[in-house]
Amino acid sequence: GAMASQDSKRQKTADEPSVVLVTGGTGLVGKAIERVINEDPETAKRGEEWVFLSSKDGDLRDRAAVEAIFNKHKPTHVIHLAALVGGLFKNMKYKVEFWRDNVAINDNVLSLSKEHKVKKVVSCLSTCVFPDKTTFPIDETMIHNGPPHHSNEGYAYAKRMIDVQNRCYREEYGCNFTSVIPTNVFGPHDNFSIEDGHVLPGLMHKVYRAKLSGEPFTIWGSGTPLRQFIYSFDLAKLFVWTMRHYHSVEPLILSVGEEDEVDIKTAAMTVVEAMEFKGEVKFDTSKADGQYKKTASNAKLRELYPEFKFTPFKDAVKETTRWFMDNYETARK
């Protein structure tokens, strides 16, 4: 009723504990943030209460559902991870749905954050927002310099619009809304689907199958494209740091450096080694490679947070393959 909405509009005073609402809280990044804040002594010291939403808590495309979530939890801070996502094939086929659903989710989360006087929103963009034709490395100032790759333009433009919304809300209403752009994230709780998942978890699932069947492990494409992979727990720490210490509206790329870019072949062989696969490895070059590279610059992050240490790729792959094998029955695949 009217009372509840009035109540939620009251300004939180400085001594009231923060309530951090995480949308998409049960996904790859949400699960990693949950582990990081549970292990972080700062959380208790700051008196933060963290709420991790799953799709069971309400359909974020539905404004009334999002309103109910905000009235219930009265967040002071929001980490917005939720999105309708799919693999390349789905993205190409359902451009309208990817556009409409994501625009609805983002509009609901941001407009209600403004109405509830949320102190800070950090939204998650994706490297697919980058322009297709570009020089490398790509930095934060280049996001809108030309159209994204046409294959998933519905999703890419919906994500790009978060940056536009953030600046409009800041200019018109003084909202502290910002965004981050992670590169290729991987880790426990990922989607390990071979058809519809991302490259690294897909490789892990294929090696697992090849081990069981005794068949060769086949890598799609030539293995030459380059990618920057970031471990979900490193990303989670950077998300928490961003929420607490990054105050610009400009997007921030969260990634390992250019020097840590690896080709798909190296990534695949790292998985082979981690999973102790002894069989034959083949490349199916009849399969398309995708973009050769999307190199992003992490210079801005390095300047702002020089002391941050990334988990070595080998160690992160080892931990992720162990989780996948231990949780094979229940993992998304």
C-alpha atoms as a PDB file:
ATOM      1  CA  GLY A   1       0.000   0.000   0.000  1.00  0.00           C
ATOM      2  CA  ALA A   2       0.868   3.708   0.104  1.00  0.00           C
ATOM      3  CA  MET A   3       2.581   3.373   3.472  1.00  0.00           C
ATOM      4  CA  ALA A   4       5.017   0.773   2.223  1.00  0.00           C
ATOM      5  CA  SER A   5       6.064   2.833  -0.774  1.00  0.00           C
ATOM      6  CA  GLN A   6       6.451   5.971   1.371  1.00  0.00           C
ATOM      7  CA  ASP A   7       8.496   3.990   3.836  1.00  0.00           C
ATOM      8  CA  SER A   8      10.851   2.650   1.161  1.00  0.00           C
ATOM      9  CA  LYS A   9      11.487   6.178  -0.091  1.00  0.00           C
ATOM     10  CA  ARG A  10      12.982   7.363   3.182  1.00  0.00           C
ATOM     11  CA  GLN A  11      16.662   8.208   2.923  1.00  0.00           C
ATOM     12  CA  LYS A  12      18.895   5.693   4.659  1.00  0.00           C
ATOM     13  CA  THR A  13      21.005   7.384   7.317  1.00  0.00           C
ATOM     14  CA  ALA A  14      24.747   6.802   7.539  1.00  0.00           C
ATOM     15  CA  ASP A  15      24.579   4.465  10.544  1.00  0.00           C
ATOM     16  CA  GLU A  16      22.011   2.135   8.990  1.00  0.00           C
ATOM     17  CA  PRO A  17      23.571  -1.022   7.604  1.00  0.00           C
ATOM     18  CA  SER A  18      23.791  -1.398   3.846  1.00  0.00           C
ATOM     19  CA  VAL A  19      21.567  -3.884   2.068  1.00  0.00           C
ATOM     20  CA  VAL A  20      23.224  -5.072  -1.133  1.00  0.00           C
ATOM     21  CA  LEU A  21      20.815  -6.658  -3.602  1.00  0.00           C
ATOM     22  CA  VAL A  22      22.431  -8.900  -6.235  1.00  0.00           C
ATOM     23  CA  THR A  23      20.252  -9.699  -9.262  1.00  0.00           C
ATOM     24  CA  GLY A  24      21.208 -12.909 -11.028  1.00  0.00           C
ATOM     25  CA  GLY A  25      22.611 -13.977  -7.685  1.00  0.00           C
ATOM     26  CA  THR A  26      22.680 -17.713  -8.384  1.00  0.00           C
ATOM     27  CA  GLY A  27      24.669 -17.573 -11.630  1.00  0.00           C
ATOM     28  CA  LEU A  28      28.388 -17.899 -12.268  1.00  0.00           C
ATOM     29  CA  VAL A  29      29.311 -14.423 -11.001  1.00  0.00           C
ATOM     30  CA  GLY A  30      26.633 -14.227  -8.282  1.00  0.00           C
ATOM     31  CA  LYS A  31      27.812 -17.473  -6.692  1.00  0.00           C
ATOM     32  CA  ALA A  32      31.404 -16.236  -6.757  1.00  0.00           C
ATOM     33  CA  ILE A  33      30.432 -12.923  -5.115  1.00  0.00           C
ATOM     34  CA  GLU A  34      28.564 -14.867  -2.431  1.00  0.00           C
ATOM     35  CA  ARG A  35      31.676 -16.893  -1.609  1.00  0.00           C
ATOM     36  CA  VAL A  36      33.925 -13.821  -1.653  1.00  0.00           C
ATOM     37  CA  ILE A  37      31.771 -11.774   0.726  1.00  0.00           C
ATOM     38  CA  ASN A  38      31.380 -14.755   3.061  1.00  0.00           C
ATOM     39  CA  GLU A  39      35.176 -14.974   3.289  1.00  0.00           C
ATOM     40  CA  ASP A  40      35.711 -11.202   3.487  1.00  0.00           C
ATOM     41  CA  PRO A  41      36.164  -9.736   7.018  1.00  0.00           C
ATOM     42  CA  GLU A  42      35.201  -6.286   5.637  1.00  0.00           C
ATOM     43  CA  THR A  43      31.604  -7.447   5.120  1.00  0.00           C
ATOM     44  CA  ALA A  44      30.887  -7.935   8.817  1.00  0.00           C
ATOM     45  CA  LYS A  45      32.859  -4.832   9.753  1.00  0.00           C
ATOM     46  CA  ARG A  46      30.771  -2.743   7.362  1.00  0.00           C
ATOM     47  CA  GLY A  47      27.541  -4.312   8.606  1.00  0.00           C
ATOM     48  CA  GLU A  48      26.490  -5.167   5.047  1.00  0.00           C
ATOM     49  CA  GLU A  49      23.556  -7.469   4.480  1.00  0.00           C
ATOM     50  CA  TRP A  50      23.712  -9.237   1.113  1.00  0.00           C
ATOM     51  CA  VAL A  51      20.661 -10.585  -0.727  1.00  0.00           C
ATOM     52  CA  PHE A  52      21.225 -12.916  -3.698  1.00  0.00           C
ATOM     53  CA  LEU A  53      18.187 -13.121  -5.973  1.00  0.00           C
ATOM     54  CA  SER A  54      17.367 -16.079  -8.170  1.00  0.00           C
ATOM     55  CA  SER A  55      14.740 -16.257 -10.905  1.00  0.00           C
ATOM     56  CA  LYS A  56      12.444 -17.877  -8.295  1.00  0.00           C
ATOM     57  CA  ASP A  57      12.267 -14.520  -6.461  1.00  0.00           C
ATOM     58  CA  GLY A  58      10.431 -12.917  -9.357  1.00  0.00           C
ATOM     59  CA  ASP A  59      10.548 -12.226 -13.078  1.00  0.00           C
ATOM     60  CA  LEU A  60      12.656  -9.087 -13.503  1.00  0.00           C
ATOM     61  CA  ARG A  61      10.928  -8.335 -16.830  1.00  0.00           C
ATOM     62  CA  ASP A  62       7.762  -7.707 -14.811  1.00  0.00           C
ATOM     63  CA  ARG A  63       7.767  -4.280 -13.180  1.00  0.00           C
ATOM     64  CA  ALA A  64       5.355  -5.305 -10.393  1.00  0.00           C
ATOM     65  CA  ALA A  65       7.616  -8.228  -9.451  1.00  0.00           C
ATOM     66  CA  VAL A  66      10.668  -5.961  -9.286  1.00  0.00           C
ATOM     67  CA  GLU A  67       8.719  -3.407  -7.252  1.00  0.00           C
ATOM     68  CA  ALA A  68       7.773  -6.137  -4.761  1.00  0.00           C
ATOM     69  CA  ILE A  69      11.445  -7.191  -4.467  1.00  0.00           C
ATOM     70  CA  PHE A  70      12.547  -3.601  -3.769  1.00  0.00           C
ATOM     71  CA  ASN A  71       9.753  -3.054  -1.214  1.00  0.00           C
ATOM     72  CA  LYS A  72      10.668  -6.289   0.552  1.00  0.00           C
ATOM     73  CA  HIS A  73      14.461  -5.872   0.748  1.00  0.00           C
ATOM     74  CA  LYS A  74      14.812  -2.052   0.682  1.00  0.00           C
ATOM     75  CA  PRO A  75      18.271  -2.191  -0.916  1.00  0.00           C
ATOM     76  CA  THR A  76      20.792   0.604  -0.415  1.00  0.00           C
ATOM     77  CA  HIS A  77      23.093  -0.872  -3.097  1.00  0.00           C
ATOM     78  CA  VAL A  78      22.442  -3.032  -6.166  1.00  0.00           C
ATOM     79  CA  ILE A  79      24.775  -5.262  -8.164  1.00  0.00           C
ATOM     80  CA  HIS A  80      22.873  -5.953 -11.371  1.00  0.00           C
ATOM     81  CA  LEU A  81      24.022  -9.184 -13.015  1.00  0.00           C
ATOM     82  CA  ALA A  82      20.735 -10.588 -14.298  1.00  0.00           C
ATOM     83  CA  ALA A  83      20.227 -10.845 -18.044  1.00  0.00           C
ATOM     84  CA  LEU A  84      18.552 -13.087 -20.551  1.00  0.00           C
ATOM     85  CA  VAL A  85      21.529 -14.838 -22.134  1.00  0.00           C
ATOM     86  CA  GLY A  86      22.133 -17.582 -24.680  1.00  0.00           C
ATOM     87  CA  GLY A  87      24.842 -18.974 -26.880  1.00  0.00           C
ATOM     88  CA  LEU A  88      25.682 -17.578 -30.302  1.00  0.00           C
ATOM     89  CA  PHE A  89      22.988 -19.594 -32.072  1.00  0.00           C
ATOM     90  CA  LYS A  90      20.146 -18.439 -29.806  1.00  0.00           C
ATOM     91  CA  ASN A  91      21.392 -14.849 -29.970  1.00  0.00           C
ATOM     92  CA  MET A  92      21.264 -14.883 -33.765  1.00  0.00           C
ATOM     93  CA  LYS A  93      17.824 -16.465 -33.893  1.00  0.00           C
ATOM     94  CA  TYR A  94      15.943 -14.464 -31.235  1.00  0.00           C
ATOM     95  CA  LYS A  95      17.235 -10.912 -31.586  1.00  0.00           C
ATOM     96  CA  VAL A  96      13.868  -9.311 -30.759  1.00  0.00           C
ATOM     97  CA  GLU A  97      13.418 -11.330 -27.569  1.00  0.00           C
ATOM     98  CA  PHE A  98      16.986 -10.670 -26.433  1.00  0.00           C
ATOM     99  CA  TRP A  99      16.447  -6.941 -27.019  1.00  0.00           C
ATOM    100  CA  ARG A 100      13.003  -6.691 -25.377  1.00  0.00           C
ATOM    101  CA  ASP A 101      13.647  -8.880 -22.349  1.00  0.00           C
ATOM    102  CA  ASN A 102      16.970  -7.295 -21.468  1.00  0.00           C
ATOM    103  CA  VAL A 103      15.734  -3.746 -21.997  1.00  0.00           C
ATOM    104  CA  ALA A 104      12.756  -4.508 -19.720  1.00  0.00           C
ATOM    105  CA  ILE A 105      14.971  -6.028 -17.005  1.00  0.00           C
ATOM    106  CA  ASN A 106      17.416  -3.112 -17.087  1.00  0.00           C
ATOM    107  CA  ASP A 107      14.690  -0.470 -17.160  1.00  0.00           C
ATOM    108  CA  ASN A 108      12.918  -2.016 -14.156  1.00  0.00           C
ATOM    109  CA  VAL A 109      16.074  -2.426 -12.072  1.00  0.00           C
ATOM    110  CA  LEU A 110      17.437   1.061 -12.793  1.00  0.00           C
ATOM    111  CA  SER A 111      14.181   3.024 -12.534  1.00  0.00           C
ATOM    112  CA  LEU A 112      13.246   1.337  -9.251  1.00  0.00           C
ATOM    113  CA  SER A 113      16.771   1.895  -7.920  1.00  0.00           C
ATOM    114  CA  LYS A 114      16.224   5.589  -8.621  1.00  0.00           C
ATOM    115  CA  GLU A 115      12.768   5.616  -6.977  1.00  0.00           C
ATOM    116  CA  HIS A 116      14.094   3.839  -3.892  1.00  0.00           C
ATOM    117  CA  LYS A 117      17.063   6.213  -3.656  1.00  0.00           C
ATOM    118  CA  VAL A 118      19.571   3.369  -3.944  1.00  0.00           C
ATOM    119  CA  LYS A 119      23.013   4.834  -3.222  1.00  0.00           C
ATOM    120  CA  LYS A 120      24.932   2.864  -5.862  1.00  0.00           C
ATOM    121  CA  VAL A 121      24.180   0.493  -8.728  1.00  0.00           C
ATOM    122  CA  VAL A 122      26.911  -1.492 -10.476  1.00  0.00           C
ATOM    123  CA  SER A 123      25.597  -3.201 -13.632  1.00  0.00           C
ATOM    124  CA  CYS A 124      27.349  -5.886 -15.627  1.00  0.00           C
ATOM    125  CA  LEU A 125      27.961  -5.313 -19.337  1.00  0.00           C
ATOM    126  CA  SER A 126      29.619  -7.768 -21.706  1.00  0.00           C
ATOM    127  CA  THR A 127      32.446  -7.562 -24.228  1.00  0.00           C
ATOM    128  CA  CYS A 128      29.819  -8.014 -26.941  1.00  0.00           C
ATOM    129  CA  VAL A 129      29.100  -4.272 -26.496  1.00  0.00           C
ATOM    130  CA  PHE A 130      32.435  -3.476 -28.129  1.00  0.00           C
ATOM    131  CA  PRO A 131      32.368  -2.214 -31.713  1.00  0.00           C
ATOM    132  CA  ASP A 132      32.972  -4.926 -34.301  1.00  0.00           C
ATOM    133  CA  LYS A 133      35.379  -2.867 -36.420  1.00  0.00           C
ATOM    134  CA  THR A 134      37.966  -1.457 -34.050  1.00  0.00           C
ATOM    135  CA  THR A 135      41.614  -1.031 -33.192  1.00  0.00           C
ATOM    136  CA  PHE A 136      43.073  -2.983 -30.274  1.00  0.00           C
ATOM    137  CA  PRO A 137      43.280  -2.939 -27.366  1.00  0.00           C
ATOM    138  CA  ILE A 138      39.737  -1.707 -26.764  1.00  0.00           C
ATOM    139  CA  ASP A 139      39.362   0.661 -23.822  1.00  0.00           C
ATOM    140  CA  GLU A 140      36.410   2.187 -21.971  1.00  0.00           C
ATOM    141  CA  THR A 141      36.207   5.272 -24.218  1.00  0.00           C
ATOM    142  CA  MET A 142      35.596   3.194 -27.378  1.00  0.00           C
ATOM    143  CA  ILE A 143      32.375   1.355 -26.516  1.00  0.00           C
ATOM    144  CA  HIS A 144      30.077   3.434 -28.734  1.00  0.00           C
ATOM    145  CA  ASN A 145      32.533   3.900 -31.634  1.00  0.00           C
ATOM    146  CA  GLY A 146      30.590   1.893 -34.206  1.00  0.00           C
ATOM    147  CA  PRO A 147      28.074  -0.961 -34.224  1.00  0.00           C
ATOM    148  CA  PRO A 148      28.640  -4.211 -32.331  1.00  0.00           C
ATOM    149  CA  HIS A 149      28.932  -7.516 -34.209  1.00  0.00           C
ATOM    150  CA  HIS A 150      25.643  -8.055 -36.072  1.00  0.00           C
ATOM    151  CA  SER A 151      25.293 -11.690 -34.932  1.00  0.00           C
ATOM    152  CA  ASN A 152      23.939 -10.681 -31.521  1.00  0.00           C
ATOM    153  CA  GLU A 153      23.047  -7.031 -31.974  1.00  0.00           C
ATOM    154  CA  GLY A 154      19.755  -7.349 -30.047  1.00  0.00           C
ATOM    155  CA  TYR A 155      21.579  -8.394 -26.886  1.00  0.00           C
ATOM    156  CA  ALA A 156      24.621  -6.175 -27.480  1.00  0.00           C
ATOM    157  CA  TYR A 157      22.617  -2.975 -27.921  1.00  0.00           C
ATOM    158  CA  ALA A 158      20.437  -3.774 -24.888  1.00  0.00           C
ATOM    159  CA  LYS A 159      23.636  -4.067 -22.828  1.00  0.00           C
ATOM    160  CA  ARG A 160      25.134  -0.909 -24.355  1.00  0.00           C
ATOM    161  CA  MET A 161      22.020   1.035 -23.386  1.00  0.00           C
ATOM    162  CA  ILE A 162      22.779   0.449 -19.693  1.00  0.00           C
ATOM    163  CA  ASP A 163      25.728   2.809 -20.125  1.00  0.00           C
ATOM    164  CA  VAL A 164      23.461   5.398 -21.773  1.00  0.00           C
ATOM    165  CA  GLN A 165      20.853   5.037 -18.993  1.00  0.00           C
ATOM    166  CA  ASN A 166      23.519   5.371 -16.288  1.00  0.00           C
ATOM    167  CA  ARG A 167      24.669   8.705 -17.648  1.00  0.00           C
ATOM    168  CA  CYS A 168      21.121  10.008 -18.123  1.00  0.00           C
ATOM    169  CA  TYR A 169      20.132   9.049 -14.562  1.00  0.00           C
ATOM    170  CA  ARG A 170      23.271  10.663 -13.170  1.00  0.00           C
ATOM    171  CA  GLU A 171      22.765  13.877 -15.134  1.00  0.00           C
ATOM    172  CA  GLU A 172      19.044  14.269 -14.472  1.00  0.00           C
ATOM    173  CA  TYR A 173      18.660  12.762 -10.993  1.00  0.00           C
ATOM    174  CA  GLY A 174      22.191  12.584  -9.553  1.00  0.00           C
ATOM    175  CA  CYS A 175      22.044   8.766  -9.337  1.00  0.00           C
ATOM    176  CA  ASN A 176      25.308   6.947  -8.663  1.00  0.00           C
ATOM    177  CA  PHE A 177      24.887   4.310 -11.399  1.00  0.00           C
ATOM    178  CA  THR A 178      27.891   2.714 -13.099  1.00  0.00           C
ATOM    179  CA  SER A 179      28.863  -0.434 -15.000  1.00  0.00           C
ATOM    180  CA  VAL A 180      31.699  -2.889 -15.462  1.00  0.00           C
ATOM    181  CA  ILE A 181      32.725  -4.956 -18.482  1.00  0.00           C
ATOM    182  CA  PRO A 182      34.254  -8.338 -17.645  1.00  0.00           C
ATOM    183  CA  THR A 183      36.075 -10.313 -20.327  1.00  0.00           C
ATOM    184  CA  ASN A 184      35.525 -14.114 -20.632  1.00  0.00           C
ATOM    185  CA  VAL A 185      34.458 -15.249 -17.165  1.00  0.00           C
ATOM    186  CA  PHE A 186      34.764 -18.875 -16.058  1.00  0.00           C
ATOM    187  CA  GLY A 187      34.578 -20.822 -12.825  1.00  0.00           C
ATOM    188  CA  PRO A 188      32.342 -23.061 -10.701  1.00  0.00           C
ATOM    189  CA  HIS A 189      28.550 -22.787 -11.289  1.00  0.00           C
ATOM    190  CA  ASP A 190      29.071 -21.894 -14.951  1.00  0.00           C
ATOM    191  CA  ASN A 191      26.941 -23.292 -17.766  1.00  0.00           C
ATOM    192  CA  PHE A 192      29.027 -26.195 -19.100  1.00  0.00           C
ATOM    193  CA  SER A 193      26.786 -26.846 -22.109  1.00  0.00           C
ATOM    194  CA  ILE A 194      28.729 -27.820 -25.223  1.00  0.00           C
ATOM    195  CA  GLU A 195      26.149 -26.413 -27.627  1.00  0.00           C
ATOM    196  CA  ASP A 196      25.077 -23.302 -25.774  1.00  0.00           C
ATOM    197  CA  GLY A 197      27.755 -22.461 -23.243  1.00  0.00           C
ATOM    198  CA  HIS A 198      30.952 -20.444 -23.468  1.00  0.00           C
ATOM    199  CA  VAL A 199      34.236 -21.678 -24.826  1.00  0.00           C
ATOM    200  CA  LEU A 200      36.132 -22.749 -21.685  1.00  0.00           C
ATOM    201  CA  PRO A 201      33.348 -24.627 -19.840  1.00  0.00           C
ATOM    202  CA  GLY A 202      32.405 -26.226 -23.162  1.00  0.00           C
ATOM    203  CA  LEU A 203      35.987 -27.486 -23.567  1.00  0.00           C
ATOM    204  CA  MET A 204      35.895 -28.891 -20.019  1.00  0.00           C
ATOM    205  CA  HIS A 205      32.680 -30.796 -20.721  1.00  0.00           C
ATOM    206  CA  LYS A 206      34.107 -32.174 -23.991  1.00  0.00           C
ATOM    207  CA  VAL A 207      37.283 -33.396 -22.299  1.00  0.00           C
ATOM    208  CA  TYR A 208      35.147 -35.032 -19.594  1.00  0.00           C
ATOM    209  CA  ARG A 209      33.121 -36.851 -22.269  1.00  0.00           C
ATOM    210  CA  ALA A 210      36.241 -37.868 -24.223  1.00  0.00           C
ATOM    211  CA  LYS A 211      37.734 -39.332 -21.022  1.00  0.00           C
ATOM    212  CA  LEU A 212      34.619 -41.433 -20.405  1.00  0.00           C
ATOM    213  CA  SER A 213      34.157 -42.600 -23.998  1.00  0.00           C
ATOM    214  CA  GLY A 214      37.796 -43.080 -24.990  1.00  0.00           C
ATOM    215  CA  GLU A 215      37.057 -41.026 -28.144  1.00  0.00           C
ATOM    216  CA  PRO A 216      39.380 -38.201 -29.265  1.00  0.00           C
ATOM    217  CA  PHE A 217      38.870 -34.720 -27.790  1.00  0.00           C
ATOM    218  CA  THR A 218      37.848 -32.480 -30.696  1.00  0.00           C
ATOM    219  CA  ILE A 219      38.332 -28.710 -30.567  1.00  0.00           C
ATOM    220  CA  TRP A 220      36.034 -26.746 -32.868  1.00  0.00           C
ATOM    221  CA  GLY A 221      37.939 -24.454 -35.209  1.00  0.00           C
ATOM    222  CA  SER A 222      41.669 -23.873 -35.623  1.00  0.00           C
ATOM    223  CA  GLY A 223      42.477 -23.045 -31.988  1.00  0.00           C
ATOM    224  CA  THR A 224      44.117 -19.742 -32.999  1.00  0.00           C
ATOM    225  CA  PRO A 225      41.581 -17.109 -31.725  1.00  0.00           C
ATOM    226  CA  LEU A 226      42.776 -15.185 -28.670  1.00  0.00           C
ATOM    227  CA  ARG A 227      40.762 -14.573 -25.496  1.00  0.00           C
ATOM    228  CA  GLN A 228      41.251 -12.966 -22.091  1.00  0.00           C
ATOM    229  CA  PHE A 229      39.846 -15.259 -19.428  1.00  0.00           C
ATOM    230  CA  ILE A 230      39.024 -14.047 -15.918  1.00  0.00           C
ATOM    231  CA  TYR A 231      38.367 -16.413 -13.013  1.00  0.00           C
ATOM    232  CA  SER A 232      34.949 -15.815 -11.459  1.00  0.00           C
ATOM    233  CA  PHE A 233      36.405 -15.360  -7.952  1.00  0.00           C
ATOM    234  CA  ASP A 234      38.831 -12.688  -9.173  1.00  0.00           C
ATOM    235  CA  LEU A 235      35.934 -10.962 -10.909  1.00  0.00           C
ATOM    236  CA  ALA A 236      33.824 -11.235  -7.747  1.00  0.00           C
ATOM    237  CA  LYS A 237      36.506  -9.499  -5.668  1.00  0.00           C
ATOM    238  CA  LEU A 238      36.691  -6.750  -8.300  1.00  0.00           C
ATOM    239  CA  PHE A 239      32.893  -6.336  -8.268  1.00  0.00           C
ATOM    240  CA  VAL A 240      32.900  -5.833  -4.495  1.00  0.00           C
ATOM    241  CA  TRP A 241      35.828  -3.406  -4.804  1.00  0.00           C
ATOM    242  CA  THR A 242      33.959  -1.507  -7.556  1.00  0.00           C
ATOM    243  CA  MET A 243      30.853  -1.211  -5.404  1.00  0.00           C
ATOM    244  CA  ARG A 244      32.843   0.133  -2.466  1.00  0.00           C
ATOM    245  CA  HIS A 245      35.521   2.255  -4.152  1.00  0.00           C
ATOM    246  CA  TYR A 246      34.774   3.120  -7.806  1.00  0.00           C
ATOM    247  CA  HIS A 247      32.750   6.322  -8.145  1.00  0.00           C
ATOM    248  CA  SER A 248      32.719   7.229 -11.841  1.00  0.00           C
ATOM    249  CA  VAL A 249      29.748   6.701 -14.175  1.00  0.00           C
ATOM    250  CA  GLU A 250      32.158   5.585 -16.920  1.00  0.00           C
ATOM    251  CA  PRO A 251      32.259   1.811 -17.478  1.00  0.00           C
ATOM    252  CA  LEU A 252      35.275  -0.048 -16.110  1.00  0.00           C
ATOM    253  CA  ILE A 253      36.798  -3.032 -17.910  1.00  0.00           C
ATOM    254  CA  LEU A 254      37.515  -5.865 -15.451  1.00  0.00           C
ATOM    255  CA  SER A 255      40.049  -8.111 -17.108  1.00  0.00           C
ATOM    256  CA  VAL A 256      43.472  -9.653 -17.015  1.00  0.00           C
ATOM    257  CA  GLY A 257      46.037  -7.714 -19.048  1.00  0.00           C
ATOM    258  CA  GLU A 258      46.748  -8.008 -22.758  1.00  0.00           C
ATOM    259  CA  GLU A 259      49.846  -9.998 -21.887  1.00  0.00           C
ATOM    260  CA  ASP A 260      47.619 -12.700 -20.320  1.00  0.00           C
ATOM    261  CA  GLU A 261      45.597 -13.301 -23.482  1.00  0.00           C
ATOM    262  CA  VAL A 262      45.661 -16.992 -24.453  1.00  0.00           C
ATOM    263  CA  ASP A 263      44.731 -18.736 -27.677  1.00  0.00           C
ATOM    264  CA  ILE A 264      41.998 -21.383 -27.674  1.00  0.00           C
ATOM    265  CA  LYS A 265      44.538 -24.143 -28.299  1.00  0.00           C
ATOM    266  CA  THR A 266      46.526 -23.181 -25.181  1.00  0.00           C
ATOM    267  CA  ALA A 267      43.303 -22.923 -23.177  1.00  0.00           C
ATOM    268  CA  ALA A 268      42.241 -26.384 -24.400  1.00  0.00           C
ATOM    269  CA  MET A 269      45.616 -27.913 -23.577  1.00  0.00           C
ATOM    270  CA  THR A 270      45.469 -26.339 -20.097  1.00  0.00           C
ATOM    271  CA  VAL A 271      42.129 -28.138 -19.611  1.00  0.00           C
ATOM    272  CA  VAL A 272      43.593 -31.396 -20.981  1.00  0.00           C
ATOM    273  CA  GLU A 273      46.439 -31.164 -18.466  1.00  0.00           C
ATOM    274  CA  ALA A 274      44.168 -30.195 -15.547  1.00  0.00           C
ATOM    275  CA  MET A 275      41.829 -33.129 -16.246  1.00  0.00           C
ATOM    276  CA  GLU A 276      44.708 -35.536 -16.947  1.00  0.00           C
ATOM    277  CA  PHE A 277      43.308 -36.517 -20.337  1.00  0.00           C
ATOM    278  CA  LYS A 278      45.683 -38.890 -22.107  1.00  0.00           C
ATOM    279  CA  GLY A 279      43.758 -39.445 -25.364  1.00  0.00           C
ATOM    280  CA  GLU A 280      44.012 -37.928 -28.830  1.00  0.00           C
ATOM    281  CA  VAL A 281      43.398 -34.198 -29.409  1.00  0.00           C
ATOM    282  CA  LYS A 282      41.984 -33.078 -32.789  1.00  0.00           C
ATOM    283  CA  PHE A 283      40.924 -29.806 -34.412  1.00  0.00           C
ATOM    284  CA  ASP A 284      37.761 -29.666 -36.509  1.00  0.00           C
ATOM    285  CA  THR A 285      38.665 -26.818 -38.873  1.00  0.00           C
ATOM    286  CA  SER A 286      35.333 -27.131 -40.704  1.00  0.00           C
ATOM    287  CA  LYS A 287      33.869 -25.290 -37.688  1.00  0.00           C
ATOM    288  CA  ALA A 288      34.005 -21.486 -37.668  1.00  0.00           C
ATOM    289  CA  ASP A 289      36.452 -19.704 -35.372  1.00  0.00           C
ATOM    290  CA  GLY A 290      34.471 -16.634 -34.335  1.00  0.00           C
ATOM    291  CA  GLN A 291      36.251 -13.309 -33.901  1.00  0.00           C
ATOM    292  CA  TYR A 292      40.038 -13.670 -33.935  1.00  0.00           C
ATOM    293  CA  LYS A 293      40.480 -11.334 -30.986  1.00  0.00           C
ATOM    294  CA  LYS A 294      38.634  -8.840 -28.790  1.00  0.00           C
ATOM    295  CA  THR A 295      41.610  -7.632 -26.772  1.00  0.00           C
ATOM    296  CA  ALA A 296      40.554  -5.284 -23.980  1.00  0.00           C
ATOM    297  CA  SER A 297      42.826  -2.940 -22.036  1.00  0.00           C
ATOM    298  CA  ASN A 298      42.853  -3.205 -18.238  1.00  0.00           C
ATOM    299  CA  ALA A 299      45.069  -0.104 -17.866  1.00  0.00           C
ATOM    300  CA  LYS A 300      42.351   1.870 -16.070  1.00  0.00           C
ATOM    301  CA  LEU A 301      41.758  -0.916 -13.525  1.00  0.00           C
ATOM    302  CA  ARG A 302      45.510  -1.312 -12.998  1.00  0.00           C
ATOM    303  CA  GLU A 303      45.858   2.403 -12.335  1.00  0.00           C
ATOM    304  CA  LEU A 304      42.987   2.438  -9.825  1.00  0.00           C
ATOM    305  CA  TYR A 305      43.781  -0.881  -8.088  1.00  0.00           C
ATOM    306  CA  PRO A 306      47.475  -1.649  -8.780  1.00  0.00           C
ATOM    307  CA  GLU A 307      47.842  -4.116  -5.907  1.00  0.00           C
ATOM    308  CA  PHE A 308      45.204  -6.570  -7.188  1.00  0.00           C
ATOM    309  CA  LYS A 309      46.571 -10.061  -7.905  1.00  0.00           C
ATOM    310  CA  PHE A 310      44.884 -12.325 -10.455  1.00  0.00           C
ATOM    311  CA  THR A 311      44.744 -16.101  -9.942  1.00  0.00           C
ATOM    312  CA  PRO A 312      47.125 -17.794 -12.416  1.00  0.00           C
ATOM    313  CA  PHE A 313      45.129 -19.248 -15.341  1.00  0.00           C
ATOM    314  CA  LYS A 314      46.405 -22.812 -14.754  1.00  0.00           C
ATOM    315  CA  ASP A 315      45.331 -22.785 -11.102  1.00  0.00           C
ATOM    316  CA  ALA A 316      41.911 -21.343 -11.920  1.00  0.00           C
ATOM    317  CA  VAL A 317      41.334 -23.957 -14.648  1.00  0.00           C
ATOM    318  CA  LYS A 318      42.394 -26.727 -12.252  1.00  0.00           C
ATOM    319  CA  GLU A 319      39.966 -25.529  -9.545  1.00  0.00           C
ATOM    320  CA  THR A 320      37.124 -25.185 -12.057  1.00  0.00           C
ATOM    321  CA  THR A 321      37.614 -28.633 -13.623  1.00  0.00           C
ATOM    322  CA  ARG A 322      37.724 -30.143 -10.123  1.00  0.00           C
ATOM    323  CA  TRP A 323      34.416 -28.444  -9.255  1.00  0.00           C
ATOM    324  CA  PHE A 324      32.870 -29.605 -12.539  1.00  0.00           C
ATOM    325  CA  MET A 325      33.900 -33.240 -11.997  1.00  0.00           C
ATOM    326  CA  ASP A 326      32.763 -33.180  -8.355  1.00  0.00           C
ATOM    327  CA  ASN A 327      29.408 -31.625  -9.269  1.00  0.00           C
ATOM    328  CA  TYR A 328      28.835 -33.199 -12.675  1.00  0.00           C
ATOM    329  CA  GLU A 329      25.340 -34.475 -11.879  1.00  0.00           C
ATOM    330  CA  THR A 330      23.967 -31.092 -10.762  1.00  0.00           C
ATOM    331  CA  ALA A 331      26.070 -28.690 -12.904  1.00  0.00           C
ATOM    332  CA  ARG A 332      24.269 -26.764 -15.645  1.00  0.00           C
ATOM    333  CA  LYS A 333      25.090 -28.488 -18.902  1.00  0.00           C
END
